[in-house]
C-alpha atoms as a PDB file:
ATOM      1  CA  MET A   1     107.921 119.213  93.612  1.00  0.00           C
ATOM      2  CA  LYS A   2     107.775 117.214  96.910  1.00  0.00           C
ATOM      3  CA  GLU A   3     110.952 116.016  98.543  1.00  0.00           C
ATOM      4  CA  GLU A   4     109.425 112.422  99.022  1.00  0.00           C
ATOM      5  CA  PHE A   5     109.026 112.265  95.100  1.00  0.00           C
ATOM      6  CA  ILE A   6     112.962 113.100  94.871  1.00  0.00           C
ATOM      7  CA  GLN A   7     113.573 110.172  97.768  1.00  0.00           C
ATOM      8  CA  ALA A   8     111.479 107.892  95.767  1.00  0.00           C
ATOM      9  CA  MET A   9     113.595 108.152  92.750  1.00  0.00           C
ATOM     10  CA  MET A  10     117.226 108.374  94.306  1.00  0.00           C
ATOM     11  CA  HIS A  11     117.180 104.929  96.510  1.00  0.00           C
ATOM     12  CA  PRO A  12     119.912 102.693  94.900  1.00  0.00           C
ATOM     13  CA  ILE A  13     117.657  99.942  94.207  1.00  0.00           C
ATOM     14  CA  ARG A  14     115.092 102.396  92.300  1.00  0.00           C
ATOM     15  CA  ILE A  15     118.091 103.955  90.600  1.00  0.00           C
ATOM     16  CA  LYS A  16     119.378 100.704  89.162  1.00  0.00           C
ATOM     17  CA  ILE A  17     115.659 100.053  88.084  1.00  0.00           C
ATOM     18  CA  ILE A  18     115.551 103.856  86.580  1.00  0.00           C
ATOM     19  CA  GLN A  19     118.994 103.120  84.695  1.00  0.00           C
ATOM     20  CA  GLU A  20     117.941  99.812  83.146  1.00  0.00           C
ATOM     21  CA  LEU A  21     114.668 101.111  81.806  1.00  0.00           C
ATOM     22  CA  SER A  22     116.463 104.265  80.577  1.00  0.00           C
ATOM     23  CA  LEU A  23     118.679 101.971  78.691  1.00  0.00           C
ATOM     24  CA  LYS A  24     116.157  99.473  77.615  1.00  0.00           C
ATOM     25  CA  GLY A  25     113.012 101.950  77.282  1.00  0.00           C
ATOM     26  CA  GLN A  26     111.037  98.932  78.847  1.00  0.00           C
ATOM     27  CA  ALA A  27     111.537  96.028  80.936  1.00  0.00           C
ATOM     28  CA  THR A  28     109.639  93.222  82.683  1.00  0.00           C
ATOM     29  CA  THR A  29     110.419  92.522  86.615  1.00  0.00           C
ATOM     30  CA  LYS A  30     112.238  89.503  85.258  1.00  0.00           C
ATOM     31  CA  ASP A  31     114.364  91.709  83.272  1.00  0.00           C
ATOM     32  CA  MET A  32     115.232  93.852  86.132  1.00  0.00           C
ATOM     33  CA  MET A  33     116.006  91.080  88.322  1.00  0.00           C
ATOM     34  CA  SER A  34     119.247  90.438  86.375  1.00  0.00           C
ATOM     35  CA  VAL A  35     120.449  93.914  87.010  1.00  0.00           C
ATOM     36  CA  CYS A  36     119.127  94.012  90.750  1.00  0.00           C
ATOM     37  CA  ASP A  37     120.493  90.787  91.721  1.00  0.00           C
ATOM     38  CA  ASP A  38     121.639  91.726  95.268  1.00  0.00           C
ATOM     39  CA  CYS A  39     117.704  92.013  96.317  1.00  0.00           C
ATOM     40  CA  ALA A  40     115.249  89.569  96.659  1.00  0.00           C
ATOM     41  CA  GLN A  41     112.012  89.552  94.414  1.00  0.00           C
ATOM     42  CA  ALA A  42     109.678  90.808  96.883  1.00  0.00           C
ATOM     43  CA  THR A  43     112.014  93.897  97.789  1.00  0.00           C
ATOM     44  CA  LEU A  44     111.947  94.581  93.759  1.00  0.00           C
ATOM     45  CA  TYR A  45     108.419  94.601  93.798  1.00  0.00           C
ATOM     46  CA  ARG A  46     108.124  97.256  96.736  1.00  0.00           C
ATOM     47  CA  HIS A  47     110.336  99.515  95.012  1.00  0.00           C
ATOM     48  CA  LEU A  48     108.609  98.999  91.562  1.00  0.00           C
ATOM     49  CA  LYS A  49     105.336  99.789  93.904  1.00  0.00           C
ATOM     50  CA  ALA A  50     106.964 103.002  94.942  1.00  0.00           C
ATOM     51  CA  LEU A  51     107.881 104.265  91.645  1.00  0.00           C
ATOM     52  CA  LEU A  52     104.751 103.602  90.489  1.00  0.00           C
ATOM     53  CA  LYS A  53     102.815 105.017  93.333  1.00  0.00           C
ATOM     54  CA  HIS A  54     105.190 108.498  92.478  1.00  0.00           C
ATOM     55  CA  GLN A  55     104.363 108.069  88.702  1.00  0.00           C
ATOM     56  CA  ILE A  56     108.093 108.101  88.037  1.00  0.00           C
ATOM     57  CA  ILE A  57     107.710 104.653  85.918  1.00  0.00           C
ATOM     58  CA  GLU A  58     104.206 103.345  84.592  1.00  0.00           C
ATOM     59  CA  VAL A  59     102.947 100.163  83.010  1.00  0.00           C
ATOM     60  CA  THR A  60     103.045  99.945  79.173  1.00  0.00           C
ATOM     61  CA  GLY A  61     101.753  96.535  78.632  1.00  0.00           C
ATOM     62  CA  GLU A  62     101.473  93.130  79.574  1.00  0.00           C
ATOM     63  CA  ASN A  63     103.185  89.657  78.704  1.00  0.00           C
ATOM     64  CA  ILE A  64     101.802  86.439  79.413  1.00  0.00           C
ATOM     65  CA  VAL A  65     104.716  83.865  79.700  1.00  0.00           C
ATOM     66  CA  ASN A  66     103.439  80.111  80.741  1.00  0.00           C
ATOM     67  CA  GLY A  67     100.156  81.603  81.927  1.00  0.00           C
ATOM     68  CA  ILE A  68     101.686  84.176  84.308  1.00  0.00           C
ATOM     69  CA  THR A  69     101.007  87.580  83.470  1.00  0.00           C
ATOM     70  CA  GLN A  70     104.225  89.785  83.376  1.00  0.00           C
ATOM     71  CA  LYS A  71     103.985  93.395  83.791  1.00  0.00           C
ATOM     72  CA  VAL A  72     106.062  95.658  81.065  1.00  0.00           C
ATOM     73  CA  TYR A  73     107.265  98.601  82.835  1.00  0.00           C
ATOM     74  CA  ALA A  74     108.893 102.082  81.003  1.00  0.00           C
ATOM     75  CA  ILE A  75     109.817 105.263  82.843  1.00  0.00           C
ATOM     76  CA  ASN A  76     106.863 108.083  82.661  1.00  0.00           C
ATOM     77  CA  THR A  77     109.053 110.558  80.742  1.00  0.00           C
ATOM     78  CA  SER A  78     106.365 113.254  81.131  1.00  0.00           C
ATOM     79  CA  LYS A  79     107.076 113.022  85.064  1.00  0.00           C
ATOM     80  CA  ILE A  80     110.671 112.949  84.666  1.00  0.00           C
ATOM     81  CA  GLU A  81     110.964 115.904  82.246  1.00  0.00           C
ATOM     82  CA  GLY A  82     108.784 118.122  83.992  1.00  0.00           C
ATOM     83  CA  ILE A  83     111.423 118.032  87.077  1.00  0.00           C
ATOM     84  CA  ALA A  84     114.353 118.558  84.646  1.00  0.00           C
ATOM     85  CA  SER A  85     112.743 120.913  82.221  1.00  0.00           C
ATOM     86  CA  ASP A  86     112.701 124.070  84.235  1.00  0.00           C
ATOM     87  CA  PRO A  87     114.898 123.984  87.285  1.00  0.00           C
ATOM     88  CA  GLN A  88     114.036 127.511  87.942  1.00  0.00           C
ATOM     89  CA  LYS A  89     110.623 126.338  89.168  1.00  0.00           C
ATOM     90  CA  MET A  90     111.958 124.362  91.758  1.00  0.00           C
ATOM     91  CA  SER A  91     112.277 125.923  95.071  1.00  0.00           C
ATOM     92  CA  LYS A  92     115.882 126.237  96.687  1.00  0.00           C
ATOM     93  CA  ALA A  93     115.215 123.312  99.249  1.00  0.00           C
ATOM     94  CA  ASP A  94     113.872 121.035  96.557  1.00  0.00           C
ATOM     95  CA  PHE A  95     117.011 121.557  94.186  1.00  0.00           C
ATOM     96  CA  LEU A  96     119.452 120.932  97.324  1.00  0.00           C
ATOM     97  CA  SER A  97     117.407 117.832  98.321  1.00  0.00           C
ATOM     98  CA  LEU A  98     117.830 116.500  94.856  1.00  0.00           C
ATOM     99  CA  PHE A  99     121.471 117.104  94.782  1.00  0.00           C
ATOM    100  CA  SER A 100     121.638 115.880  98.061  1.00  0.00           C
ATOM    101  CA  GLN A 101     119.994 112.639  97.007  1.00  0.00           C
ATOM    102  CA  TYR A 102     122.575 112.890  93.579  1.00  0.00           C
ATOM    103  CA  VAL A 103     125.481 112.707  96.093  1.00  0.00           C
ATOM    104  CA  MET A 104     124.100 110.114  98.309  1.00  0.00           C
ATOM    105  CA  ALA A 105     123.632 107.828  95.098  1.00  0.00           C
ATOM    106  CA  LEU A 106     127.235 108.335  94.695  1.00  0.00           C
ATOM    107  CA  LEU A 107     127.984 107.632  97.950  1.00  0.00           C
ATOM    108  CA  ALA A 108     125.919 104.327  97.430  1.00  0.00           C
ATOM    109  CA  ASP A 109     127.881 103.555  94.421  1.00  0.00           C
ATOM    110  CA  MET A 110     131.392 103.704  95.992  1.00  0.00           C
ATOM    111  CA  ALA A 111     130.534 101.611  98.943  1.00  0.00           C
ATOM    112  CA  ALA A 112     129.072  98.836  96.567  1.00  0.00           C
ATOM    113  CA  TYR A 113     132.466  99.139  94.830  1.00  0.00           C
ATOM    114  CA  PHE A 114     134.368  98.829  97.920  1.00  0.00           C
ATOM    115  CA  GLU A 115     132.580  95.913  98.931  1.00  0.00           C
ATOM    116  CA  GLN A 116     134.218  93.487  96.283  1.00  0.00           C
ATOM    117  CA  GLU A 117     136.884  91.236  97.381  1.00  0.00           C
ATOM    118  CA  ASP A 118     139.981  93.059  96.462  1.00  0.00           C
ATOM    119  CA  PRO A 119     138.766  96.474  95.285  1.00  0.00           C
ATOM    120  CA  PHE A 120     142.241  98.031  95.040  1.00  0.00           C
ATOM    121  CA  GLU A 121     143.343  95.449  92.677  1.00  0.00           C
ATOM    122  CA  ASN A 122     141.965  97.623  89.646  1.00  0.00           C
ATOM    123  CA  ILE A 123     141.309 100.640  91.337  1.00  0.00           C
ATOM    124  CA  LYS A 124     143.307 102.807  88.589  1.00  0.00           C
ATOM    125  CA  ASN A 125     141.398 101.344  85.838  1.00  0.00           C
ATOM    126  CA  SER A 126     137.708 101.157  87.319  1.00  0.00           C
ATOM    127  CA  ILE A 127     137.290 104.326  89.306  1.00  0.00           C
ATOM    128  CA  GLY A 128     138.172 107.718  89.868  1.00  0.00           C
ATOM    129  CA  PHE A 129     137.234 111.050  90.663  1.00  0.00           C
ATOM    130  CA  SER A 130     138.639 114.675  90.079  1.00  0.00           C
ATOM    131  CA  SER A 131     137.934 118.453  90.369  1.00  0.00           C
ATOM    132  CA  SER A 132     139.216 120.862  87.803  1.00  0.00           C
ATOM    133  CA  SER A 133     138.394 124.708  88.399  1.00  0.00           C
ATOM    134  CA  ILE A 134     138.485 126.624  84.900  1.00  0.00           C
ATOM    135  CA  TYR A 135     137.350 129.775  83.947  1.00  0.00           C
ATOM    136  CA  LEU A 136     134.759 129.679  81.091  1.00  0.00           C
ATOM    137  CA  SER A 137     132.016 131.843  79.745  1.00  0.00           C
ATOM    138  CA  ASP A 138     128.430 130.604  79.736  1.00  0.00           C
ATOM    139  CA  ASP A 139     128.578 129.817  76.239  1.00  0.00           C
ATOM    140  CA  GLU A 140     132.087 128.199  76.589  1.00  0.00           C
ATOM    141  CA  LEU A 141     130.374 126.523  79.363  1.00  0.00           C
ATOM    142  CA  GLN A 142     127.595 125.117  77.051  1.00  0.00           C
ATOM    143  CA  GLU A 143     129.799 124.157  74.460  1.00  0.00           C
ATOM    144  CA  MET A 144     131.798 121.876  76.453  1.00  0.00           C
ATOM    145  CA  MET A 145     128.874 120.216  78.148  1.00  0.00           C
ATOM    146  CA  LYS A 146     127.769 119.411  74.513  1.00  0.00           C
ATOM    147  CA  GLU A 147     131.145 118.030  73.633  1.00  0.00           C
ATOM    148  CA  LEU A 148     130.858 115.683  76.903  1.00  0.00           C
ATOM    149  CA  ASN A 149     127.230 114.953  76.031  1.00  0.00           C
ATOM    150  CA  GLU A 150     128.058 113.556  72.450  1.00  0.00           C
ATOM    151  CA  ILE A 151     131.266 111.322  74.103  1.00  0.00           C
ATOM    152  CA  VAL A 152     128.460 109.913  76.479  1.00  0.00           C
ATOM    153  CA  MET A 153     126.078 109.531  73.813  1.00  0.00           C
ATOM    154  CA  LYS A 154     127.905 107.882  71.251  1.00  0.00           C
ATOM    155  CA  ARG A 155     128.710 104.932  73.989  1.00  0.00           C
ATOM    156  CA  LEU A 156     124.980 105.204  75.486  1.00  0.00           C
ATOM    157  CA  ASN A 157     123.468 102.203  73.669  1.00  0.00           C
ATOM    158  CA  ASN A 158     126.726  99.906  74.563  1.00  0.00           C
ATOM    159  CA  THR A 159     125.679  96.343  75.667  1.00  0.00           C
ATOM    160  CA  PRO A 160     127.118  94.444  78.244  1.00  0.00           C
ATOM    161  CA  SER A 161     129.863  91.897  77.532  1.00  0.00           C
ATOM    162  CA  LYS A 162     132.565  90.025  79.131  1.00  0.00           C
ATOM    163  CA  ASP A 163     134.776  92.807  78.498  1.00  0.00           C
ATOM    164  CA  ARG A 164     132.247  95.287  79.156  1.00  0.00           C
ATOM    165  CA  VAL A 165     130.785  96.211  82.807  1.00  0.00           C
ATOM    166  CA  MET A 166     128.429  99.169  83.672  1.00  0.00           C
ATOM    167  CA  ARG A 167     130.435 102.220  84.780  1.00  0.00           C
ATOM    168  CA  LYS A 168     128.849 105.606  85.757  1.00  0.00           C
ATOM    169  CA  ILE A 169     130.040 108.991  84.659  1.00  0.00           C
ATOM    170  CA  SER A 170     128.875 111.340  86.823  1.00  0.00           C
ATOM    171  CA  ASN A 171     129.175 115.378  86.454  1.00  0.00           C
ATOM    172  CA  VAL A 172     128.781 118.196  88.553  1.00  0.00           C
ATOM    173  CA  VAL A 173     129.039 122.030  87.491  1.00  0.00           C
ATOM    174  CA  THR A 174     129.317 124.560  90.323  1.00  0.00           C
ATOM    175  CA  THR A 175     129.830 128.588  89.572  1.00  0.00           C
ATOM    176  CA  MET A 176     131.397 130.559  92.446  1.00  0.00           C
ATOM    177  CA  PRO A 177     129.055 133.515  93.578  1.00  0.00           C
ATOM    178  CA  ALA A 178     129.636 136.854  91.674  1.00  0.00           C
ATOM    179  CA  SER A 179     131.749 138.006  94.976  1.00  0.00           C
ATOM    180  CA  LYS A 180     134.530 135.407  94.644  1.00  0.00           C
ATOM    181  CA  LYS A 181     135.160 135.939  90.877  1.00  0.00           C
ATOM    182  CA  PRO A 182     137.952 137.818  89.943  1.00  0.00           C
END
């Protein structure tokens, strides 16, 4: 895997595009403008072009609206699944780069939250982070991850409403090296 592929995917605006396509399955530029309302249309097109260049997304069709052709985009699942399907095929540097980009995306989300007029007003209900150290066998870890996945999947298709805002739930699991185990 090339580092530029990872970087192309992890830019904050591109993450929004990928999330929108993940939620909807496919979308037009107009659909994505509502999610990426903090960037100009020309900027959105540049990000779409970069995602297309790296084959992260693909054009799945075209709609003609009032004589204007609108492309319909979707995630190129074969390319994305290729990355996540076998992490052992990644080099250590690629994996670390992917994780670094992931952390940078989290930092960008946090910075965006604090750009609000009064971010501390609802901080208890809106954001948070924690870290817990627990002892688990490999089987117990897999069981717990399955349970967490079921909880998230139950709500994944929720649609936006006046009471619902997009919230990002991020998980990181690390395992201590054998020398640090009791």
